[in-house]
C-alpha atoms as a PDB file:
ATOM      1  CA  MET A   1     -33.833  93.642  83.313  1.00  0.00           C
ATOM      2  CA  LYS A   2     -31.313  92.889  80.611  1.00  0.00           C
ATOM      3  CA  ASN A   3     -32.092  90.757  77.710  1.00  0.00           C
ATOM      4  CA  GLY A   4     -34.607  89.365  80.162  1.00  0.00           C
ATOM      5  CA  VAL A   5     -32.442  88.645  82.724  1.00  0.00           C
ATOM      6  CA  PRO A   6     -32.704  90.220  86.184  1.00  0.00           C
ATOM      7  CA  GLN A   7     -29.660  92.073  87.052  1.00  0.00           C
ATOM      8  CA  SER A   8     -28.134  91.722  90.924  1.00  0.00           C
ATOM      9  CA  MET A   9     -28.856  95.072  92.659  1.00  0.00           C
ATOM     10  CA  ALA A  10     -28.386  96.040  96.377  1.00  0.00           C
ATOM     11  CA  GLY A  11     -31.024  98.728  96.425  1.00  0.00           C
ATOM     12  CA  LEU A  12     -33.873 100.530  94.396  1.00  0.00           C
ATOM     13  CA  ALA A  13     -35.249 103.845  95.284  1.00  0.00           C
ATOM     14  CA  ALA A  14     -37.409 106.503  93.307  1.00  0.00           C
ATOM     15  CA  ASP A  15     -39.212 109.787  93.911  1.00  0.00           C
ATOM     16  CA  LEU A  16     -43.009 109.225  93.957  1.00  0.00           C
ATOM     17  CA  LYS A  17     -46.065 111.437  93.614  1.00  0.00           C
ATOM     18  CA  VAL A  18     -49.831 110.868  93.219  1.00  0.00           C
ATOM     19  CA  ASP A  19     -52.261 113.543  92.321  1.00  0.00           C
ATOM     20  CA  CYS A  20     -55.175 111.176  92.784  1.00  0.00           C
ATOM     21  CA  LEU A  21     -55.294 107.502  93.802  1.00  0.00           C
ATOM     22  CA  ARG A  22     -58.903 105.847  94.418  1.00  0.00           C
ATOM     23  CA  VAL A  23     -60.719 103.012  93.745  1.00  0.00           C
ATOM     24  CA  GLY A  24     -64.758 102.161  93.081  1.00  0.00           C
ATOM     25  CA  ASP A  25     -64.942  99.336  96.005  1.00  0.00           C
ATOM     26  CA  PRO A  26     -62.120  99.770  98.522  1.00  0.00           C
ATOM     27  CA  GLN A  27     -63.389  97.070 100.835  1.00  0.00           C
ATOM     28  CA  ASN A  28     -61.970  94.424  98.150  1.00  0.00           C
ATOM     29  CA  LYS A  29     -60.198  96.367  95.578  1.00  0.00           C
ATOM     30  CA  LEU A  30     -56.505  97.696  95.508  1.00  0.00           C
ATOM     31  CA  ALA A  31     -54.554 100.486  93.941  1.00  0.00           C
ATOM     32  CA  THR A  32     -51.161 101.491  94.602  1.00  0.00           C
ATOM     33  CA  HIS A  33     -47.962 103.755  93.263  1.00  0.00           C
ATOM     34  CA  GLU A  34     -44.843 101.754  94.054  1.00  0.00           C
ATOM     35  CA  ILE A  35     -41.781 100.380  93.682  1.00  0.00           C
ATOM     36  CA  TRP A  36     -40.935  96.368  93.757  1.00  0.00           C
ATOM     37  CA  MET A  37     -38.081  94.401  93.904  1.00  0.00           C
ATOM     38  CA  ALA A  38     -37.386  90.508  94.131  1.00  0.00           C
ATOM     39  CA  THR A  39     -35.063  89.567  96.863  1.00  0.00           C
ATOM     40  CA  ASN A  40     -35.277  85.797  96.148  1.00  0.00           C
ATOM     41  CA  THR A  41     -31.619  85.641  94.461  1.00  0.00           C
ATOM     42  CA  HIS A  42     -30.111  83.189  97.035  1.00  0.00           C
ATOM     43  CA  TYR A  43     -33.098  81.389  98.336  1.00  0.00           C
ATOM     44  CA  ASN A  44     -35.037  78.142  96.843  1.00  0.00           C
ATOM     45  CA  HIS A  45     -38.426  78.503  96.994  1.00  0.00           C
ATOM     46  CA  ASN A  46     -41.307  78.215  94.522  1.00  0.00           C
ATOM     47  CA  TYR A  47     -42.722  81.310  94.553  1.00  0.00           C
ATOM     48  CA  MET A  48     -40.601  84.835  94.669  1.00  0.00           C
ATOM     49  CA  THR A  49     -39.526  86.889  97.793  1.00  0.00           C
ATOM     50  CA  TRP A  50     -39.940  90.653  97.592  1.00  0.00           C
ATOM     51  CA  VAL A  51     -40.175  93.872  98.866  1.00  0.00           C
ATOM     52  CA  GLU A  52     -41.903  96.794  98.041  1.00  0.00           C
ATOM     53  CA  THR A  53     -42.842 100.513  99.000  1.00  0.00           C
ATOM     54  CA  GLY A  54     -44.824 103.447  98.043  1.00  0.00           C
ATOM     55  CA  TYR A  55     -48.560 104.349  98.288  1.00  0.00           C
ATOM     56  CA  THR A  56     -51.797 102.269  98.729  1.00  0.00           C
ATOM     57  CA  VAL A  57     -55.347 102.831  99.428  1.00  0.00           C
ATOM     58  CA  GLY A  58     -57.809 100.845 101.373  1.00  0.00           C
ATOM     59  CA  ARG A  59     -61.128 101.266 103.045  1.00  0.00           C
ATOM     60  CA  ILE A  60     -62.515 103.776 105.227  1.00  0.00           C
ATOM     61  CA  ASP A  61     -64.662 103.149 108.326  1.00  0.00           C
ATOM     62  CA  THR A  62     -66.323  99.834 106.679  1.00  0.00           C
ATOM     63  CA  MET A  63     -66.803  97.573 109.474  1.00  0.00           C
ATOM     64  CA  ASN A  64     -69.320  97.962 112.022  1.00  0.00           C
ATOM     65  CA  ALA A  65     -66.675  98.064 114.962  1.00  0.00           C
ATOM     66  CA  GLY A  66     -65.149 101.313 113.158  1.00  0.00           C
ATOM     67  CA  LEU A  67     -61.950  99.835 112.429  1.00  0.00           C
ATOM     68  CA  ILE A  68     -60.503 101.686 109.299  1.00  0.00           C
ATOM     69  CA  TRP A  69     -57.978 101.798 106.678  1.00  0.00           C
ATOM     70  CA  GLY A  70     -56.336 105.136 105.539  1.00  0.00           C
ATOM     71  CA  ASP A  71     -54.714 106.255 102.520  1.00  0.00           C
ATOM     72  CA  ASN A  72     -51.199 105.547 103.125  1.00  0.00           C
ATOM     73  CA  HIS A  73     -47.482 105.624 102.871  1.00  0.00           C
ATOM     74  CA  PHE A  74     -46.692 101.411 103.047  1.00  0.00           C
ATOM     75  CA  TRP A  75     -44.244  98.673 102.492  1.00  0.00           C
ATOM     76  CA  ALA A  76     -45.088  95.413 102.370  1.00  0.00           C
ATOM     77  CA  ASP A  77     -42.918  91.833 101.823  1.00  0.00           C
ATOM     78  CA  GLN A  78     -43.401  88.512 101.437  1.00  0.00           C
ATOM     79  CA  ARG A  79     -41.153  85.897 103.289  1.00  0.00           C
ATOM     80  CA  ASP A  80     -40.595  82.375 103.022  1.00  0.00           C
ATOM     81  CA  PRO A  81     -43.910  82.213 100.437  1.00  0.00           C
ATOM     82  CA  ASN A  82     -43.307  78.161 101.384  1.00  0.00           C
ATOM     83  CA  ASN A  83     -44.828  78.961 104.679  1.00  0.00           C
ATOM     84  CA  GLY A  84     -48.340  79.766 103.793  1.00  0.00           C
ATOM     85  CA  ASN A  85     -46.805  83.210 101.754  1.00  0.00           C
ATOM     86  CA  ASN A  86     -45.824  84.830 105.043  1.00  0.00           C
ATOM     87  CA  TYR A  87     -47.135  88.146 103.645  1.00  0.00           C
ATOM     88  CA  HIS A  88     -46.929  91.327 105.782  1.00  0.00           C
ATOM     89  CA  GLU A  89     -48.055  95.067 105.024  1.00  0.00           C
ATOM     90  CA  TRP A  90     -46.889  97.741 107.411  1.00  0.00           C
ATOM     91  CA  TYR A  91     -48.479 101.342 107.067  1.00  0.00           C
ATOM     92  CA  ILE A  92     -45.940 104.531 107.771  1.00  0.00           C
ATOM     93  CA  ARG A  93     -48.517 107.391 107.688  1.00  0.00           C
ATOM     94  CA  ASP A  94     -51.032 108.924 105.746  1.00  0.00           C
ATOM     95  CA  PHE A  95     -50.380 110.129 102.375  1.00  0.00           C
ATOM     96  CA  ALA A  96     -51.160 113.341 100.962  1.00  0.00           C
ATOM     97  CA  THR A  97     -51.616 113.756  97.175  1.00  0.00           C
ATOM     98  CA  GLY A  98     -49.734 116.727  95.049  1.00  0.00           C
ATOM     99  CA  VAL A  99     -46.303 115.805  97.453  1.00  0.00           C
ATOM    100  CA  TRP A 100     -43.156 113.890  95.800  1.00  0.00           C
ATOM    101  CA  VAL A 101     -41.458 111.587  98.630  1.00  0.00           C
ATOM    102  CA  ASP A 102     -38.651 109.735  98.053  1.00  0.00           C
ATOM    103  CA  HIS A 103     -39.129 106.108  98.859  1.00  0.00           C
ATOM    104  CA  GLY A 104     -36.332 103.438  98.760  1.00  0.00           C
ATOM    105  CA  ILE A 105     -35.369  99.640  99.955  1.00  0.00           C
ATOM    106  CA  THR A 106     -31.543  99.081 100.765  1.00  0.00           C
ATOM    107  CA  TRP A 107     -29.785  95.903 101.476  1.00  0.00           C
ATOM    108  CA  VAL A 108     -27.904  95.245 104.776  1.00  0.00           C
ATOM    109  CA  PRO A 109     -24.376  94.169 103.516  1.00  0.00           C
ATOM    110  CA  ASN A 110     -23.874  90.516 104.934  1.00  0.00           C
ATOM    111  CA  SER A 111     -27.316  89.570 105.565  1.00  0.00           C
ATOM    112  CA  ASN A 112     -30.752  88.703 104.274  1.00  0.00           C
ATOM    113  CA  ASN A 113     -32.534  92.180 105.412  1.00  0.00           C
ATOM    114  CA  TRP A 114     -33.618  95.288 103.817  1.00  0.00           C
ATOM    115  CA  THR A 115     -33.909  98.547 105.141  1.00  0.00           C
ATOM    116  CA  ILE A 116     -37.234 100.563 103.719  1.00  0.00           C
ATOM    117  CA  TRP A 117     -37.034 104.451 103.898  1.00  0.00           C
ATOM    118  CA  ASN A 118     -39.450 107.262 103.347  1.00  0.00           C
ATOM    119  CA  ASN A 119     -38.805 110.864 102.609  1.00  0.00           C
ATOM    120  CA  HIS A 120     -34.998 110.266 103.347  1.00  0.00           C
ATOM    121  CA  GLN A 121     -35.816 108.217 106.781  1.00  0.00           C
ATOM    122  CA  VAL A 122     -35.700 104.746 107.544  1.00  0.00           C
ATOM    123  CA  VAL A 123     -38.867 103.521 108.637  1.00  0.00           C
ATOM    124  CA  GLY A 124     -38.544  99.510 108.800  1.00  0.00           C
ATOM    125  CA  THR A 125     -36.401  96.650 108.399  1.00  0.00           C
ATOM    126  CA  SER A 126     -37.183  93.149 106.462  1.00  0.00           C
ATOM    127  CA  ILE A 127     -35.513  90.697 108.107  1.00  0.00           C
ATOM    128  CA  ASP A 128     -34.809  87.432 106.431  1.00  0.00           C
ATOM    129  CA  ALA A 129     -36.219  88.206 102.819  1.00  0.00           C
ATOM    130  CA  GLY A 130     -33.429  87.368 100.814  1.00  0.00           C
ATOM    131  CA  ALA A 131     -29.762  88.509 100.153  1.00  0.00           C
ATOM    132  CA  TYR A 132     -28.815  90.921  96.875  1.00  0.00           C
ATOM    133  CA  ALA A 133     -32.491  91.966  94.746  1.00  0.00           C
ATOM    134  CA  GLY A 134     -32.492  90.698  90.961  1.00  0.00           C
ATOM    135  CA  GLY A 135     -34.930  92.713  89.433  1.00  0.00           C
ATOM    136  CA  GLY A 136     -37.519  95.749  90.137  1.00  0.00           C
ATOM    137  CA  GLN A 137     -40.487  97.653  88.904  1.00  0.00           C
ATOM    138  CA  ILE A 138     -41.899 101.248  89.226  1.00  0.00           C
ATOM    139  CA  GLY A 139     -45.397 102.118  88.330  1.00  0.00           C
ATOM    140  CA  MET A 140     -49.263 101.659  89.231  1.00  0.00           C
ATOM    141  CA  GLU A 141     -51.053  98.675  90.438  1.00  0.00           C
ATOM    142  CA  SER A 142     -54.674  98.102  90.461  1.00  0.00           C
ATOM    143  CA  SER A 143     -56.818  94.921  90.892  1.00  0.00           C
ATOM    144  CA  THR A 144     -59.732  97.026  89.259  1.00  0.00           C
ATOM    145  CA  SER A 145     -60.460  98.928  86.125  1.00  0.00           C
ATOM    146  CA  ASN A 146     -62.489 101.036  88.019  1.00  0.00           C
ATOM    147  CA  VAL A 147     -60.030 103.523  89.483  1.00  0.00           C
ATOM    148  CA  ARG A 148     -58.983 107.109  88.981  1.00  0.00           C
ATOM    149  CA  ALA A 149     -55.391 107.686  89.304  1.00  0.00           C
ATOM    150  CA  PHE A 150     -52.496 110.109  87.995  1.00  0.00           C
ATOM    151  CA  GLY A 151     -48.916 109.611  89.225  1.00  0.00           C
ATOM    152  CA  GLN A 152     -45.408 110.584  88.750  1.00  0.00           C
ATOM    153  CA  GLY A 153     -41.994 108.697  89.086  1.00  0.00           C
ATOM    154  CA  ALA A 154     -38.610 110.486  89.182  1.00  0.00           C
ATOM    155  CA  ASN A 155     -34.839 109.671  90.010  1.00  0.00           C
ATOM    156  CA  PHE A 156     -35.587 106.222  89.551  1.00  0.00           C
ATOM    157  CA  ARG A 157     -32.083 104.739  90.010  1.00  0.00           C
ATOM    158  CA  TYR A 158     -30.606 101.307  92.036  1.00  0.00           C
ATOM    159  CA  ASN A 159     -27.661 100.405  93.858  1.00  0.00           C
ATOM    160  CA  PRO A 160     -25.553  97.650  91.813  1.00  0.00           C
ATOM    161  CA  GLY A 161     -23.776  96.775  94.927  1.00  0.00           C
ATOM    162  CA  ASN A 162     -20.595  99.461  94.975  1.00  0.00           C
ATOM    163  CA  GLY A 163     -22.488 102.299  97.076  1.00  0.00           C
ATOM    164  CA  ALA A 164     -23.318 104.140  93.842  1.00  0.00           C
ATOM    165  CA  TRP A 165     -26.849 105.026  92.657  1.00  0.00           C
ATOM    166  CA  VAL A 166     -27.427 104.871  88.871  1.00  0.00           C
ATOM    167  CA  ALA A 167     -30.498 105.477  86.483  1.00  0.00           C
ATOM    168  CA  PRO A 168     -31.383 102.002  85.454  1.00  0.00           C
ATOM    169  CA  PRO A 169     -29.648 101.262  81.828  1.00  0.00           C
ATOM    170  CA  TYR A 170     -32.190  98.530  80.832  1.00  0.00           C
ATOM    171  CA  LEU A 171     -35.557  99.315  81.362  1.00  0.00           C
ATOM    172  CA  THR A 172     -38.573  97.350  79.608  1.00  0.00           C
ATOM    173  CA  ALA A 173     -42.132  97.198  79.846  1.00  0.00           C
ATOM    174  CA  GLY A 174     -44.045  94.793  81.930  1.00  0.00           C
ATOM    175  CA  ASP A 175     -45.536  91.896  81.322  1.00  0.00           C
ATOM    176  CA  PRO A 176     -48.750  92.646  79.399  1.00  0.00           C
ATOM    177  CA  GLY A 177     -50.875  90.019  81.203  1.00  0.00           C
ATOM    178  CA  GLN A 178     -50.183  92.391  84.544  1.00  0.00           C
ATOM    179  CA  ASN A 179     -52.126  95.511  82.664  1.00  0.00           C
ATOM    180  CA  VAL A 180     -49.184  97.789  83.050  1.00  0.00           C
ATOM    181  CA  LEU A 181     -50.452 101.209  82.608  1.00  0.00           C
ATOM    182  CA  PHE A 182     -47.001 103.013  82.393  1.00  0.00           C
ATOM    183  CA  THR A 183     -43.915 101.868  81.975  1.00  0.00           C
ATOM    184  CA  SER A 184     -40.774 104.355  81.416  1.00  0.00           C
ATOM    185  CA  LYS A 185     -38.382 102.795  78.647  1.00  0.00           C
ATOM    186  CA  ASN A 186     -35.756 105.908  79.111  1.00  0.00           C
ATOM    187  CA  SER A 187     -32.432 105.244  80.426  1.00  0.00           C
ATOM    188  CA  THR A 188     -32.611 108.649  82.067  1.00  0.00           C
ATOM    189  CA  SER A 189     -33.939 109.790  85.558  1.00  0.00           C
ATOM    190  CA  SER A 190     -36.146 112.192  84.163  1.00  0.00           C
ATOM    191  CA  ILE A 191     -39.999 112.606  85.516  1.00  0.00           C
ATOM    192  CA  ASN A 192     -42.481 110.180  83.747  1.00  0.00           C
ATOM    193  CA  SER A 193     -45.983 110.082  84.273  1.00  0.00           C
ATOM    194  CA  TRP A 194     -48.874 107.547  84.385  1.00  0.00           C
ATOM    195  CA  SER A 195     -52.540 108.173  84.400  1.00  0.00           C
ATOM    196  CA  ALA A 196     -55.697 105.524  84.793  1.00  0.00           C
ATOM    197  CA  GLN A 197     -58.609 107.740  83.668  1.00  0.00           C
ATOM    198  CA  GLY A 198     -57.539 111.031  85.401  1.00  0.00           C
ATOM    199  CA  CYS A 199     -58.350 112.541  88.477  1.00  0.00           C
ATOM    200  CA  ASN A 200     -61.886 114.391  87.081  1.00  0.00           C
ATOM    201  CA  VAL A 201     -63.313 111.014  85.738  1.00  0.00           C
ATOM    202  CA  PRO A 202     -66.126 109.933  88.302  1.00  0.00           C
ATOM    203  CA  LEU A 203     -65.697 106.324  89.673  1.00  0.00           C
ATOM    204  CA  ALA A 204     -68.369 104.029  88.976  1.00  0.00           C
ATOM    205  CA  ALA A 205     -69.378 103.651  92.391  1.00  0.00           C
ATOM    206  CA  GLY A 206     -68.362 103.450  96.364  1.00  0.00           C
ATOM    207  CA  ALA A 207     -65.407 106.197  96.344  1.00  0.00           C
ATOM    208  CA  PRO A 208     -66.718 109.497  97.901  1.00  0.00           C
ATOM    209  CA  THR A 209     -66.165 112.385  95.627  1.00  0.00           C
ATOM    210  CA  VAL A 210     -67.809 115.551  94.787  1.00  0.00           C
ATOM    211  CA  GLY A 211     -67.168 117.276  91.094  1.00  0.00           C
ATOM    212  CA  GLY A 212     -64.288 114.472  90.888  1.00  0.00           C
ATOM    213  CA  ALA A 213     -62.320 115.664  93.794  1.00  0.00           C
ATOM    214  CA  ASP A 214     -61.620 113.170  96.702  1.00  0.00           C
ATOM    215  CA  ILE A 215     -63.456 113.843 100.061  1.00  0.00           C
ATOM    216  CA  ALA A 216     -62.358 110.457 101.613  1.00  0.00           C
ATOM    217  CA  PRO A 217     -59.593 112.180 103.564  1.00  0.00           C
ATOM    218  CA  THR A 218     -61.878 114.242 105.367  1.00  0.00           C
ATOM    219  CA  GLN A 219     -64.198 111.212 105.927  1.00  0.00           C
ATOM    220  CA  PHE A 220     -61.436 109.152 107.234  1.00  0.00           C
ATOM    221  CA  GLN A 221     -60.768 112.313 109.692  1.00  0.00           C
ATOM    222  CA  GLU A 222     -64.044 112.191 110.945  1.00  0.00           C
ATOM    223  CA  ALA A 223     -64.002 108.696 111.307  1.00  0.00           C
ATOM    224  CA  VAL A 224     -60.521 108.927 113.392  1.00  0.00           C
ATOM    225  CA  GLU A 225     -62.278 111.842 116.033  1.00  0.00           C
ATOM    226  CA  ALA A 226     -65.327 109.814 116.228  1.00  0.00           C
ATOM    227  CA  ASN A 227     -63.345 106.466 117.342  1.00  0.00           C
ATOM    228  CA  ARG A 228     -61.554 108.875 119.716  1.00  0.00           C
ATOM    229  CA  ALA A 229     -64.769 109.153 121.468  1.00  0.00           C
ATOM    230  CA  LYS A 230     -65.653 105.298 121.644  1.00  0.00           C
ATOM    231  CA  PRO A 231     -63.984 103.203 124.451  1.00  0.00           C
ATOM    232  CA  ARG A 232     -60.223 102.648 124.588  1.00  0.00           C
ATOM    233  CA  LEU A 233     -59.940  99.342 123.111  1.00  0.00           C
ATOM    234  CA  THR A 234     -58.552  96.669 125.291  1.00  0.00           C
ATOM    235  CA  ALA A 235     -58.039  92.816 125.114  1.00  0.00           C
ATOM    236  CA  ASP A 236     -61.259  92.422 127.315  1.00  0.00           C
ATOM    237  CA  ASN A 237     -63.340  94.638 125.109  1.00  0.00           C
ATOM    238  CA  SER A 238     -62.283  93.529 121.531  1.00  0.00           C
ATOM    239  CA  SER A 239     -64.808  90.645 120.614  1.00  0.00           C
ATOM    240  CA  ALA A 240     -66.600  92.831 118.159  1.00  0.00           C
ATOM    241  CA  VAL A 241     -63.109  93.806 116.590  1.00  0.00           C
ATOM    242  CA  VAL A 242     -62.244  89.982 116.404  1.00  0.00           C
ATOM    243  CA  ASP A 243     -65.601  89.686 114.257  1.00  0.00           C
ATOM    244  CA  ASP A 244     -65.023  92.150 112.243  1.00  0.00           C
ATOM    245  CA  VAL A 245     -61.396  91.369 111.384  1.00  0.00           C
ATOM    246  CA  ALA A 246     -62.668  87.853 110.788  1.00  0.00           C
ATOM    247  CA  ASN A 247     -65.182  88.921 108.262  1.00  0.00           C
ATOM    248  CA  ALA A 248     -62.626  91.413 106.479  1.00  0.00           C
ATOM    249  CA  PHE A 249     -60.274  88.674 105.824  1.00  0.00           C
ATOM    250  CA  GLU A 250     -62.993  86.132 104.974  1.00  0.00           C
ATOM    251  CA  MET A 251     -61.957  83.642 107.396  1.00  0.00           C
ATOM    252  CA  LYS A 252     -62.786  80.312 107.027  1.00  0.00           C
ATOM    253  CA  ASP A 253     -62.041  77.283 109.102  1.00  0.00           C
ATOM    254  CA  ARG A 254     -61.981  80.017 111.913  1.00  0.00           C
ATOM    255  CA  GLY A 255     -60.302  78.937 115.195  1.00  0.00           C
ATOM    256  CA  THR A 256     -59.172  80.314 118.191  1.00  0.00           C
ATOM    257  CA  ALA A 257     -58.857  84.345 118.536  1.00  0.00           C
ATOM    258  CA  ARG A 258     -56.468  86.265 120.552  1.00  0.00           C
ATOM    259  CA  VAL A 259     -56.348  89.704 121.813  1.00  0.00           C
ATOM    260  CA  THR A 260     -52.692  90.997 122.830  1.00  0.00           C
ATOM    261  CA  GLU A 261     -52.452  94.470 124.630  1.00  0.00           C
ATOM    262  CA  THR A 262     -48.485  95.310 123.528  1.00  0.00           C
ATOM    263  CA  SER A 263     -46.224  97.655 121.766  1.00  0.00           C
ATOM    264  CA  ARG A 264     -46.070  98.127 117.905  1.00  0.00           C
ATOM    265  CA  SER A 265     -42.432  97.379 117.948  1.00  0.00           C
ATOM    266  CA  ARG A 266     -42.263  94.605 120.032  1.00  0.00           C
ATOM    267  CA  TYR A 267     -45.269  92.926 117.601  1.00  0.00           C
ATOM    268  CA  ALA A 268     -42.845  93.903 114.753  1.00  0.00           C
ATOM    269  CA  ALA A 269     -39.854  92.054 116.064  1.00  0.00           C
ATOM    270  CA  SER A 270     -42.118  89.009 116.833  1.00  0.00           C
ATOM    271  CA  GLU A 271     -42.964  88.998 112.515  1.00  0.00           C
ATOM    272  CA  ASN A 272     -39.091  89.614 111.722  1.00  0.00           C
ATOM    273  CA  ALA A 273     -39.692  93.120 111.041  1.00  0.00           C
ATOM    274  CA  VAL A 274     -37.942  96.701 112.682  1.00  0.00           C
ATOM    275  CA  ILE A 275     -40.800  99.047 113.364  1.00  0.00           C
ATOM    276  CA  ASP A 276     -39.350 102.072 115.720  1.00  0.00           C
ATOM    277  CA  ASP A 277     -42.610 103.074 117.075  1.00  0.00           C
ATOM    278  CA  ASP A 278     -43.504 101.945 120.744  1.00  0.00           C
ATOM    279  CA  ARG A 279     -46.733 103.118 120.741  1.00  0.00           C
ATOM    280  CA  GLN A 280     -49.400 101.291 122.813  1.00  0.00           C
ATOM    281  CA  VAL A 281     -51.605  98.720 120.285  1.00  0.00           C
ATOM    282  CA  ILE A 282     -53.670  95.676 120.229  1.00  0.00           C
ATOM    283  CA  VAL A 283     -53.145  92.763 118.430  1.00  0.00           C
ATOM    284  CA  VAL A 284     -55.908  90.562 116.773  1.00  0.00           C
ATOM    285  CA  GLN A 285     -54.766  87.204 115.928  1.00  0.00           C
ATOM    286  CA  ILE A 286     -57.063  84.918 114.290  1.00  0.00           C
ATOM    287  CA  ASP A 287     -56.367  81.333 113.558  1.00  0.00           C
ATOM    288  CA  GLY A 288     -57.544  79.446 110.155  1.00  0.00           C
ATOM    289  CA  ASP A 289     -58.361  80.234 106.640  1.00  0.00           C
ATOM    290  CA  GLY A 290     -58.280  83.788 105.669  1.00  0.00           C
ATOM    291  CA  THR A 291     -57.031  86.138 102.933  1.00  0.00           C
ATOM    292  CA  VAL A 292     -55.562  89.451 102.432  1.00  0.00           C
ATOM    293  CA  PRO A 293     -58.944  91.627 101.655  1.00  0.00           C
ATOM    294  CA  ARG A 294     -57.808  93.655  99.162  1.00  0.00           C
ATOM    295  CA  SER A 295     -57.410  91.635  96.625  1.00  0.00           C
ATOM    296  CA  MET A 296     -53.628  91.528  96.122  1.00  0.00           C
ATOM    297  CA  THR A 297     -52.793  90.477  92.882  1.00  0.00           C
ATOM    298  CA  GLN A 298     -49.000  91.158  92.901  1.00  0.00           C
ATOM    299  CA  VAL A 299     -47.932  87.841  94.367  1.00  0.00           C
ATOM    300  CA  ASP A 300     -48.069  84.421  92.459  1.00  0.00           C
ATOM    301  CA  ALA A 301     -50.590  82.710  94.929  1.00  0.00           C
ATOM    302  CA  VAL A 302     -52.964  84.900  96.803  1.00  0.00           C
ATOM    303  CA  PRO A 303     -51.803  85.062 100.423  1.00  0.00           C
ATOM    304  CA  ARG A 304     -53.962  82.679 102.891  1.00  0.00           C
ATOM    305  CA  GLY A 305     -53.379  81.490 106.284  1.00  0.00           C
ATOM    306  CA  ASN A 306     -53.369  82.667 110.160  1.00  0.00           C
ATOM    307  CA  VAL A 307     -54.687  86.622 110.429  1.00  0.00           C
ATOM    308  CA  THR A 308     -52.738  89.279 112.472  1.00  0.00           C
ATOM    309  CA  VAL A 309     -53.780  92.565 112.757  1.00  0.00           C
ATOM    310  CA  THR A 310     -52.438  95.607 114.789  1.00  0.00           C
ATOM    311  CA  ILE A 311     -55.052  98.238 115.818  1.00  0.00           C
ATOM    312  CA  ASP A 312     -54.209 101.552 117.615  1.00  0.00           C
ATOM    313  CA  PRO A 313     -56.581 101.202 120.535  1.00  0.00           C
ATOM    314  CA  GLU A 314     -57.643 105.329 120.618  1.00  0.00           C
ATOM    315  CA  THR A 315     -58.335 105.542 116.795  1.00  0.00           C
ATOM    316  CA  ARG A 316     -59.002 102.021 115.725  1.00  0.00           C
ATOM    317  CA  GLN A 317     -56.737 102.625 112.897  1.00  0.00           C
ATOM    318  CA  VAL A 318     -55.243  99.830 111.317  1.00  0.00           C
ATOM    319  CA  LEU A 319     -51.477  99.663 111.663  1.00  0.00           C
ATOM    320  CA  ASP A 320     -49.830  96.650 110.481  1.00  0.00           C
ATOM    321  CA  MET A 321     -51.594  93.168 108.444  1.00  0.00           C
ATOM    322  CA  ALA A 322     -50.212  89.562 108.108  1.00  0.00           C
ATOM    323  CA  VAL A 323     -50.953  86.586 106.836  1.00  0.00           C
ATOM    324  CA  THR A 324     -49.231  83.652 107.559  1.00  0.00           C
ATOM    325  CA  GLY A 325     -48.906  79.605 107.893  1.00  0.00           C
ATOM    326  CA  GLU A 326     -47.467  80.841 111.583  1.00  0.00           C
ATOM    327  CA  THR A 327     -49.318  80.494 114.681  1.00  0.00           C
ATOM    328  CA  LYS A 328     -47.270  82.337 117.473  1.00  0.00           C
ATOM    329  CA  ASN A 329     -47.969  82.623 120.756  1.00  0.00           C
ATOM    330  CA  LEU A 330     -47.423  86.458 122.037  1.00  0.00           C
ATOM    331  CA  SER A 331     -48.801  85.768 125.713  1.00  0.00           C
ATOM    332  CA  ALA A 332     -45.313  87.223 126.905  1.00  0.00           C
ATOM    333  CA  MET A 333     -45.665  90.801 125.256  1.00  0.00           C
ATOM    334  CA  GLY A 334     -48.666  91.564 127.511  1.00  0.00           C
ATOM    335  CA  ARG A 335     -52.209  90.961 128.559  1.00  0.00           C
ATOM    336  CA  THR A 336     -53.972  88.358 126.497  1.00  0.00           C
ATOM    337  CA  VAL A 337     -57.256  87.380 126.204  1.00  0.00           C
ATOM    338  CA  GLU A 338     -58.477  84.314 124.195  1.00  0.00           C
ATOM    339  CA  ILE A 339     -61.927  85.028 122.301  1.00  0.00           C
ATOM    340  CA  GLY A 340     -64.146  82.413 121.002  1.00  0.00           C
END
């Protein structure tokens, strides 16, 4: 930002690290460490389109069917918000604390698309998210004050469109109404830190801790192994999973539910994204009025609409989720069963 005016750019990146990141109510609350950029410079929407990437914490084995969200590297986008907000969240891999990882978002020239990279590798492409961004942020976001977190950012940089990557010359504090806990006002790429209670302060409730140390990753791996011992999920035996997804997304006016056996990459393509992952998944679609379960607060309006979730049939780990105003027929992608 320069004098409150977004400066056009063709990319945003930063090295990010978390030493701890945990909320007390992971079923309903959110914490992230991320970079975020608006991408709607050339669009005329009531709400902005945007892309973000970084770390996110979510639920761990909280649903009856054993579905699990982990602590993930992720990227997300909001495209065409006039069409039911059209929110998507894509998980890259589990994250580890205490490790620096480069995260970035780069505009694809002569298009409305953006590539996302993690640890110097392209991990996805957001299609039709807008051209030439205007404004970006780095830092921690939480939907609760019951959070224990410490993170660092370094080498915060942007691409002004000429191929160079430079430190932003204009950095300003975020809107106080967003409860920004840390923002850099330096015009260099030095390391800066933020802290929300720190790593050794016990949470009020919910998050598993021993002496201030997280044991959640251990519980997550235990849940994965336990799920491997269960029957592999198919389109025919996923009715309990459908019910749990509906409950997690607080579905109202629930309509038709469909389960499709396909590959993750084929599903991503149907949602205007590129994911280089051909593993077999089940895709749960539920028509109705659902909302993102982890109290997303970054957007101007909480996403509501039809819900779609992709699930690893062996581990029952959630790989992607979407809340959109669209109803899509995925039956051409694989065996599809309608569940009442």
